[in-house]
C-alpha atoms as a PDB file:
ATOM      1  CA  MET A   1     123.475  74.227  99.848  1.00  0.00           C
ATOM      2  CA  ALA A   2     123.935  77.852  98.673  1.00  0.00           C
ATOM      3  CA  SER A   3     123.534  79.467 102.051  1.00  0.00           C
ATOM      4  CA  VAL A   4     125.314  82.806 101.995  1.00  0.00           C
ATOM      5  CA  ARG A   5     126.527  82.701 105.578  1.00  0.00           C
ATOM      6  CA  PHE A   6     127.273  79.049 105.788  1.00  0.00           C
ATOM      7  CA  PRO A   7     127.606  77.333 102.369  1.00  0.00           C
ATOM      8  CA  GLY A   8     126.801  73.714 102.394  1.00  0.00           C
ATOM      9  CA  LYS A   9     125.517  73.878 105.986  1.00  0.00           C
ATOM     10  CA  ILE A  10     122.683  71.348 105.472  1.00  0.00           C
ATOM     11  CA  LEU A  11     125.326  68.491 105.073  1.00  0.00           C
ATOM     12  CA  PHE A  12     127.480  69.752 107.987  1.00  0.00           C
ATOM     13  CA  PRO A  13     128.258  66.640 110.046  1.00  0.00           C
ATOM     14  CA  PHE A  14     127.287  66.449 113.704  1.00  0.00           C
ATOM     15  CA  HIS A  15     128.817  63.386 115.178  1.00  0.00           C
ATOM     16  CA  GLY A  16     129.353  62.065 111.708  1.00  0.00           C
ATOM     17  CA  VAL A  17     125.722  62.501 110.584  1.00  0.00           C
ATOM     18  CA  PRO A  18     124.746  65.296 108.146  1.00  0.00           C
ATOM     19  CA  MET A  19     122.522  67.962 109.560  1.00  0.00           C
ATOM     20  CA  ILE A  20     119.615  67.172 107.366  1.00  0.00           C
ATOM     21  CA  GLU A  21     119.609  63.599 108.544  1.00  0.00           C
ATOM     22  CA  HIS A  22     119.491  64.743 112.192  1.00  0.00           C
ATOM     23  CA  VAL A  23     116.319  66.645 111.407  1.00  0.00           C
ATOM     24  CA  ARG A  24     114.749  63.888 109.283  1.00  0.00           C
ATOM     25  CA  ARG A  25     115.414  61.230 111.862  1.00  0.00           C
ATOM     26  CA  ARG A  26     114.139  63.264 114.711  1.00  0.00           C
ATOM     27  CA  ALA A  27     110.956  63.954 112.773  1.00  0.00           C
ATOM     28  CA  LEU A  28     110.526  60.198 112.275  1.00  0.00           C
ATOM     29  CA  MET A  29     110.490  59.775 116.008  1.00  0.00           C
ATOM     30  CA  SER A  30     107.204  61.594 116.262  1.00  0.00           C
ATOM     31  CA  GLN A  31     104.118  59.380 116.096  1.00  0.00           C
ATOM     32  CA  ALA A  32     101.806  62.318 115.036  1.00  0.00           C
ATOM     33  CA  ILE A  33     102.740  62.675 111.385  1.00  0.00           C
ATOM     34  CA  ALA A  34     102.155  60.303 108.465  1.00  0.00           C
ATOM     35  CA  GLU A  35     105.296  60.767 106.413  1.00  0.00           C
ATOM     36  CA  VAL A  36     108.597  62.693 106.325  1.00  0.00           C
ATOM     37  CA  VAL A  37     109.805  63.998 102.973  1.00  0.00           C
ATOM     38  CA  VAL A  38     112.816  66.063 102.097  1.00  0.00           C
ATOM     39  CA  ALA A  39     112.211  68.670  99.492  1.00  0.00           C
ATOM     40  CA  THR A  40     115.410  69.823  97.734  1.00  0.00           C
ATOM     41  CA  CYS A  41     116.818  71.032  94.448  1.00  0.00           C
ATOM     42  CA  ASP A  42     120.325  69.804  95.380  1.00  0.00           C
ATOM     43  CA  ASP A  43     121.545  66.417  94.109  1.00  0.00           C
ATOM     44  CA  ASP A  44     124.089  66.072  96.980  1.00  0.00           C
ATOM     45  CA  ILE A  45     121.294  66.464  99.562  1.00  0.00           C
ATOM     46  CA  ALA A  46     119.090  63.995  97.771  1.00  0.00           C
ATOM     47  CA  THR A  47     121.850  61.412  97.593  1.00  0.00           C
ATOM     48  CA  VAL A  48     122.552  61.636 101.334  1.00  0.00           C
ATOM     49  CA  VAL A  49     118.859  61.255 102.206  1.00  0.00           C
ATOM     50  CA  THR A  50     118.019  58.441  99.809  1.00  0.00           C
ATOM     51  CA  SER A  51     121.205  56.547 100.782  1.00  0.00           C
ATOM     52  CA  ASN A  52     119.914  56.566 104.347  1.00  0.00           C
ATOM     53  CA  GLY A  53     116.472  55.315 103.299  1.00  0.00           C
ATOM     54  CA  GLY A  54     114.625  58.605 103.160  1.00  0.00           C
ATOM     55  CA  ARG A  55     112.138  59.908 100.625  1.00  0.00           C
ATOM     56  CA  VAL A  56     113.107  62.941  98.550  1.00  0.00           C
ATOM     57  CA  ILE A  57     111.089  65.126  96.129  1.00  0.00           C
ATOM     58  CA  MET A  58     113.205  67.175  93.751  1.00  0.00           C
ATOM     59  CA  THR A  59     112.054  70.706  93.259  1.00  0.00           C
ATOM     60  CA  ALA A  60     112.998  73.684  91.039  1.00  0.00           C
ATOM     61  CA  ASN A  61     116.199  75.559  91.936  1.00  0.00           C
ATOM     62  CA  THR A  62     114.423  78.994  91.671  1.00  0.00           C
ATOM     63  CA  HIS A  63     112.737  79.023  95.001  1.00  0.00           C
ATOM     64  CA  ARG A  64     113.555  81.938  97.274  1.00  0.00           C
ATOM     65  CA  ASN A  65     112.071  80.458 100.476  1.00  0.00           C
ATOM     66  CA  GLY A  66     110.886  77.205 101.974  1.00  0.00           C
ATOM     67  CA  THR A  67     107.251  78.065 101.609  1.00  0.00           C
ATOM     68  CA  THR A  68     107.140  77.982  97.791  1.00  0.00           C
ATOM     69  CA  ARG A  69     109.458  74.955  97.707  1.00  0.00           C
ATOM     70  CA  ILE A  70     107.121  72.992 100.003  1.00  0.00           C
ATOM     71  CA  ALA A  71     104.107  74.071  97.975  1.00  0.00           C
ATOM     72  CA  GLU A  72     105.666  72.632  94.843  1.00  0.00           C
ATOM     73  CA  ALA A  73     106.569  69.395  96.690  1.00  0.00           C
ATOM     74  CA  VAL A  74     103.241  68.879  98.282  1.00  0.00           C
ATOM     75  CA  LYS A  75     100.985  69.364  95.249  1.00  0.00           C
ATOM     76  CA  GLU A  76     100.905  65.738  94.312  1.00  0.00           C
ATOM     77  CA  ILE A  77     100.819  64.396  97.947  1.00  0.00           C
ATOM     78  CA  ASP A  78      97.465  63.378  99.293  1.00  0.00           C
ATOM     79  CA  CYS A  79      97.240  65.241 102.663  1.00  0.00           C
ATOM     80  CA  THR A  80      95.137  67.820 104.444  1.00  0.00           C
ATOM     81  CA  HIS A  81      97.934  69.625 106.205  1.00  0.00           C
ATOM     82  CA  VAL A  82     101.622  70.075 105.749  1.00  0.00           C
ATOM     83  CA  MET A  83     104.253  70.750 108.363  1.00  0.00           C
ATOM     84  CA  LEU A  84     107.442  72.544 107.268  1.00  0.00           C
ATOM     85  CA  LEU A  85     110.582  71.659 109.290  1.00  0.00           C
ATOM     86  CA  GLN A  86     113.655  73.713 108.596  1.00  0.00           C
ATOM     87  CA  GLY A  87     116.710  71.710 107.623  1.00  0.00           C
ATOM     88  CA  ASP A  88     118.944  73.730 109.858  1.00  0.00           C
ATOM     89  CA  GLU A  89     117.297  72.804 113.115  1.00  0.00           C
ATOM     90  CA  PRO A  90     119.391  69.723 114.222  1.00  0.00           C
ATOM     91  CA  LEU A  91     118.133  70.041 117.777  1.00  0.00           C
ATOM     92  CA  LEU A  92     114.443  69.565 116.811  1.00  0.00           C
ATOM     93  CA  LEU A  93     112.483  67.734 119.521  1.00  0.00           C
ATOM     94  CA  PRO A  94     110.055  65.067 118.495  1.00  0.00           C
ATOM     95  CA  ARG A  95     107.786  66.115 121.383  1.00  0.00           C
ATOM     96  CA  HIS A  96     107.528  69.607 119.893  1.00  0.00           C
ATOM     97  CA  ILE A  97     106.199  67.972 116.661  1.00  0.00           C
ATOM     98  CA  ASP A  98     103.683  65.983 118.731  1.00  0.00           C
ATOM     99  CA  LEU A  99     102.513  69.239 120.471  1.00  0.00           C
ATOM    100  CA  PHE A 100     102.351  71.018 117.112  1.00  0.00           C
ATOM    101  CA  ALA A 101     100.272  68.265 115.556  1.00  0.00           C
ATOM    102  CA  ALA A 102      97.788  68.374 118.517  1.00  0.00           C
ATOM    103  CA  ALA A 103      97.298  72.106 117.947  1.00  0.00           C
ATOM    104  CA  ILE A 104      96.432  71.392 114.318  1.00  0.00           C
ATOM    105  CA  GLN A 105      94.065  68.713 115.268  1.00  0.00           C
ATOM    106  CA  ALA A 106      92.321  70.988 117.744  1.00  0.00           C
ATOM    107  CA  GLU A 107      91.634  73.563 115.073  1.00  0.00           C
ATOM    108  CA  PRO A 108      92.004  71.854 111.638  1.00  0.00           C
ATOM    109  CA  ASP A 109      90.249  74.711 109.720  1.00  0.00           C
ATOM    110  CA  GLY A 110      92.963  77.215 110.745  1.00  0.00           C
ATOM    111  CA  ASP A 111      95.049  78.806 108.021  1.00  0.00           C
ATOM    112  CA  ALA A 112      98.599  78.385 109.471  1.00  0.00           C
ATOM    113  CA  TRP A 113     100.612  77.642 112.629  1.00  0.00           C
ATOM    114  CA  ASN A 114     104.046  78.566 113.772  1.00  0.00           C
ATOM    115  CA  ALA A 115     106.076  77.300 116.706  1.00  0.00           C
ATOM    116  CA  THR A 116     107.301  80.005 119.087  1.00  0.00           C
ATOM    117  CA  GLY A 117     109.635  79.940 122.009  1.00  0.00           C
ATOM    118  CA  PRO A 118     110.402  82.194 124.945  1.00  0.00           C
ATOM    119  CA  ILE A 119     112.763  85.180 124.828  1.00  0.00           C
ATOM    120  CA  ASP A 120     115.356  84.439 127.495  1.00  0.00           C
ATOM    121  CA  SER A 121     117.525  87.519 127.547  1.00  0.00           C
ATOM    122  CA  GLU A 122     116.875  91.185 126.915  1.00  0.00           C
ATOM    123  CA  ASP A 123     119.555  91.524 124.194  1.00  0.00           C
ATOM    124  CA  GLU A 124     117.591  89.014 122.117  1.00  0.00           C
ATOM    125  CA  LEU A 125     114.817  91.694 121.626  1.00  0.00           C
ATOM    126  CA  ASP A 126     117.185  93.721 119.309  1.00  0.00           C
ATOM    127  CA  ARG A 127     119.050  90.765 117.732  1.00  0.00           C
ATOM    128  CA  HIS A 128     118.090  90.965 114.069  1.00  0.00           C
ATOM    129  CA  SER A 129     119.393  87.557 113.117  1.00  0.00           C
ATOM    130  CA  PHE A 130     116.130  85.810 114.091  1.00  0.00           C
ATOM    131  CA  VAL A 131     112.513  86.792 113.866  1.00  0.00           C
ATOM    132  CA  LYS A 132     110.284  87.555 116.855  1.00  0.00           C
ATOM    133  CA  CYS A 133     106.547  88.069 117.075  1.00  0.00           C
ATOM    134  CA  ALA A 134     103.854  89.757 119.215  1.00  0.00           C
ATOM    135  CA  ILE A 135     101.060  87.347 120.268  1.00  0.00           C
ATOM    136  CA  GLY A 136      97.470  88.234 121.173  1.00  0.00           C
ATOM    137  CA  SER A 137      95.434  86.679 123.893  1.00  0.00           C
ATOM    138  CA  ASN A 138      93.918  84.108 121.535  1.00  0.00           C
ATOM    139  CA  ASP A 139      97.415  82.873 120.496  1.00  0.00           C
ATOM    140  CA  ARG A 140      97.136  84.725 117.174  1.00  0.00           C
ATOM    141  CA  ILE A 141     100.355  86.160 115.848  1.00  0.00           C
ATOM    142  CA  LEU A 142      99.670  89.845 115.450  1.00  0.00           C
ATOM    143  CA  HIS A 143     103.095  91.032 113.849  1.00  0.00           C
ATOM    144  CA  CYS A 144     106.601  89.687 113.135  1.00  0.00           C
ATOM    145  CA  PHE A 145     109.707  91.744 113.399  1.00  0.00           C
ATOM    146  CA  ARG A 146     113.458  91.485 113.877  1.00  0.00           C
ATOM    147  CA  ARG A 147     113.886  94.119 116.495  1.00  0.00           C
ATOM    148  CA  SER A 148     111.290  94.832 119.153  1.00  0.00           C
ATOM    149  CA  PRO A 149     109.141  97.892 118.455  1.00  0.00           C
ATOM    150  CA  CYS A 150     108.012  97.953 122.114  1.00  0.00           C
ATOM    151  CA  PHE A 151     109.274 100.206 124.993  1.00  0.00           C
ATOM    152  CA  SER A 152     107.750  98.396 128.000  1.00  0.00           C
ATOM    153  CA  PRO A 153     110.229  96.639 130.457  1.00  0.00           C
ATOM    154  CA  PHE A 154     111.771  93.337 129.445  1.00  0.00           C
ATOM    155  CA  ASP A 155     109.708  91.304 131.854  1.00  0.00           C
ATOM    156  CA  VAL A 156     106.513  92.745 130.406  1.00  0.00           C
ATOM    157  CA  GLN A 157     107.633  92.121 126.826  1.00  0.00           C
ATOM    158  CA  GLN A 158     108.397  88.560 127.700  1.00  0.00           C
ATOM    159  CA  ARG A 159     104.648  88.106 128.260  1.00  0.00           C
ATOM    160  CA  PHE A 160     103.701  88.705 124.627  1.00  0.00           C
ATOM    161  CA  ILE A 161     106.877  88.657 122.539  1.00  0.00           C
ATOM    162  CA  ARG A 162     108.313  85.203 121.564  1.00  0.00           C
ATOM    163  CA  LYS A 163     110.833  83.836 119.041  1.00  0.00           C
ATOM    164  CA  ILE A 164     109.588  82.488 115.755  1.00  0.00           C
ATOM    165  CA  LEU A 165     110.983  78.864 115.639  1.00  0.00           C
ATOM    166  CA  GLY A 166     111.556  76.636 112.668  1.00  0.00           C
ATOM    167  CA  ILE A 167     108.337  74.736 112.616  1.00  0.00           C
ATOM    168  CA  ILE A 168     105.387  75.998 110.570  1.00  0.00           C
ATOM    169  CA  ALA A 169     102.354  74.345 109.230  1.00  0.00           C
ATOM    170  CA  TYR A 170      99.601  75.054 106.722  1.00  0.00           C
ATOM    171  CA  ARG A 171      96.331  73.753 105.696  1.00  0.00           C
ATOM    172  CA  LYS A 172      97.247  72.379 102.271  1.00  0.00           C
ATOM    173  CA  ASP A 173      94.671  74.333 100.320  1.00  0.00           C
ATOM    174  CA  PHE A 174      95.617  77.499 102.094  1.00  0.00           C
ATOM    175  CA  LEU A 175      99.282  76.951 101.294  1.00  0.00           C
ATOM    176  CA  LEU A 176      98.485  76.615  97.601  1.00  0.00           C
ATOM    177  CA  GLN A 177      96.418  79.815  97.800  1.00  0.00           C
ATOM    178  CA  LEU A 178      99.121  81.659  99.743  1.00  0.00           C
ATOM    179  CA  ILE A 179     101.874  81.244  97.158  1.00  0.00           C
ATOM    180  CA  GLN A 180      99.661  82.864  94.541  1.00  0.00           C
ATOM    181  CA  LEU A 181      99.556  86.020  96.433  1.00  0.00           C
ATOM    182  CA  PRO A 182     102.205  88.751  95.669  1.00  0.00           C
ATOM    183  CA  SER A 183     104.974  89.279  98.195  1.00  0.00           C
ATOM    184  CA  SER A 184     103.773  91.812 100.734  1.00  0.00           C
ATOM    185  CA  PRO A 185     105.562  95.109 101.618  1.00  0.00           C
ATOM    186  CA  ILE A 186     106.708  94.173 105.114  1.00  0.00           C
ATOM    187  CA  GLU A 187     107.572  90.655 104.039  1.00  0.00           C
ATOM    188  CA  LEU A 188     109.988  92.062 101.473  1.00  0.00           C
ATOM    189  CA  ALA A 189     111.266  94.930 103.662  1.00  0.00           C
ATOM    190  CA  GLU A 190     112.119  92.700 106.637  1.00  0.00           C
ATOM    191  CA  SER A 191     112.601  89.365 104.884  1.00  0.00           C
ATOM    192  CA  ILE A 192     109.880  87.687 107.014  1.00  0.00           C
ATOM    193  CA  GLU A 193     107.744  85.139 105.140  1.00  0.00           C
ATOM    194  CA  GLN A 194     105.024  85.065 107.819  1.00  0.00           C
ATOM    195  CA  MET A 195     104.099  88.669 107.135  1.00  0.00           C
ATOM    196  CA  ARG A 196     102.414  87.716 103.764  1.00  0.00           C
ATOM    197  CA  ILE A 197      99.904  85.750 105.757  1.00  0.00           C
ATOM    198  CA  ILE A 198      99.274  88.536 108.268  1.00  0.00           C
ATOM    199  CA  GLU A 199      99.281  91.417 105.813  1.00  0.00           C
ATOM    200  CA  ASN A 200      96.635  89.615 103.645  1.00  0.00           C
ATOM    201  CA  GLY A 201      94.306  89.257 106.638  1.00  0.00           C
ATOM    202  CA  PHE A 202      94.784  85.524 107.304  1.00  0.00           C
ATOM    203  CA  ALA A 203      95.472  83.969 110.691  1.00  0.00           C
ATOM    204  CA  ILE A 204      98.627  82.396 111.911  1.00  0.00           C
ATOM    205  CA  ARG A 205      98.486  80.828 115.308  1.00  0.00           C
ATOM    206  CA  SER A 206     101.401  80.541 117.881  1.00  0.00           C
ATOM    207  CA  VAL A 207     102.147  77.067 119.138  1.00  0.00           C
ATOM    208  CA  GLN A 208     104.094  77.660 122.218  1.00  0.00           C
ATOM    209  CA  VAL A 209     106.996  75.230 122.838  1.00  0.00           C
ATOM    210  CA  SER A 210     109.956  75.340 125.285  1.00  0.00           C
ATOM    211  CA  PRO A 211     112.840  75.535 125.276  1.00  0.00           C
ATOM    212  CA  SER A 212     113.821  77.804 122.414  1.00  0.00           C
ATOM    213  CA  LEU A 213     116.486  75.719 120.556  1.00  0.00           C
ATOM    214  CA  PRO A 214     119.390  77.286 118.565  1.00  0.00           C
ATOM    215  CA  SER A 215     119.434  76.693 114.784  1.00  0.00           C
ATOM    216  CA  VAL A 216     122.471  76.952 112.596  1.00  0.00           C
ATOM    217  CA  ASN A 217     122.713  80.078 110.451  1.00  0.00           C
ATOM    218  CA  GLU A 218     126.490  80.513 110.450  1.00  0.00           C
ATOM    219  CA  PRO A 219     129.549  78.365 111.268  1.00  0.00           C
ATOM    220  CA  ARG A 220     130.093  79.466 114.814  1.00  0.00           C
ATOM    221  CA  GLU A 221     126.587  78.190 115.702  1.00  0.00           C
ATOM    222  CA  ALA A 222     127.600  74.661 114.877  1.00  0.00           C
ATOM    223  CA  ASP A 223     129.740  74.679 118.008  1.00  0.00           C
ATOM    224  CA  ILE A 224     126.782  75.997 120.036  1.00  0.00           C
ATOM    225  CA  VAL A 225     124.673  73.008 118.858  1.00  0.00           C
ATOM    226  CA  LEU A 226     127.461  70.620 119.722  1.00  0.00           C
ATOM    227  CA  ASP A 227     127.784  71.999 123.220  1.00  0.00           C
ATOM    228  CA  TYR A 228     124.006  71.867 123.620  1.00  0.00           C
ATOM    229  CA  ILE A 229     123.905  68.164 122.732  1.00  0.00           C
ATOM    230  CA  LYS A 230     126.768  67.555 125.089  1.00  0.00           C
ATOM    231  CA  ASN A 231     125.344  69.278 128.105  1.00  0.00           C
ATOM    232  CA  ASN A 232     121.654  68.396 127.713  1.00  0.00           C
ATOM    233  CA  ALA A 233     120.340  65.026 128.777  1.00  0.00           C
ATOM    234  CA  GLU A 234     117.344  64.986 126.455  1.00  0.00           C
ATOM    235  CA  GLN A 235     119.533  65.893 123.502  1.00  0.00           C
ATOM    236  CA  ALA A 236     122.127  63.358 124.349  1.00  0.00           C
ATOM    237  CA  ALA A 237     119.470  60.630 124.520  1.00  0.00           C
ATOM    238  CA  LEU A 238     118.130  61.623 121.146  1.00  0.00           C
ATOM    239  CA  LEU A 239     121.658  61.541 119.668  1.00  0.00           C
ATOM    240  CA  THR A 240     122.008  57.946 120.892  1.00  0.00           C
ATOM    241  CA  LYS A 241     118.875  56.993 118.986  1.00  0.00           C
ATOM    242  CA  ILE A 242     120.021  58.868 115.814  1.00  0.00           C
ATOM    243  CA  LEU A 243     123.360  57.228 115.788  1.00  0.00           C
ATOM    244  CA  LYS A 244     122.004  53.619 116.024  1.00  0.00           C
END
């Protein structure tokens, strides 16, 4: 609720439904996960979710990122892995969750996984508002950054640089270990949570999905989401299910 660029954005209504409910309901459409839980420190969010039949776990209001909040929420949940979905991703596709779950099942002993999407235009390489990553041949994320450090032509960079998207998963025991580690230098300097994993020598795997969907970081992006729903058949069909 305290988003600096868009205060209260999590409850912004798209077609009369708060953003957090769009994300929660889309997650429920996936057959690959056992349960969907909203972790929050805000009573207003909790009220919206519970009034719509969802489960909420209240957390402390001192968390600086979603990783530590989820770690607190999942401590008492009996599970092997936890998938973190960002509440500002109202265009989340259930099929992306299914694909993501399949990647975890294929390598359940992995440390962490992050969805990545294609870079569609050259100007995105230098757009600092979202995180990008370089990926090795084994799908391991090698480095995360906000502006590309590479000088090769755009079509070459597209082969190994991808957007970091708002789906990340951890093996539960690794997550509880990760939050005990101090914040790492690049993580702090660039404000990129994933770098704590990489800087401490652990592995984070890229799960490639397409298309790269816009999230909502500031008010103008709400209109982008609405246009996307209007002009995309898959999104329009999902909206019909959400509004039922």
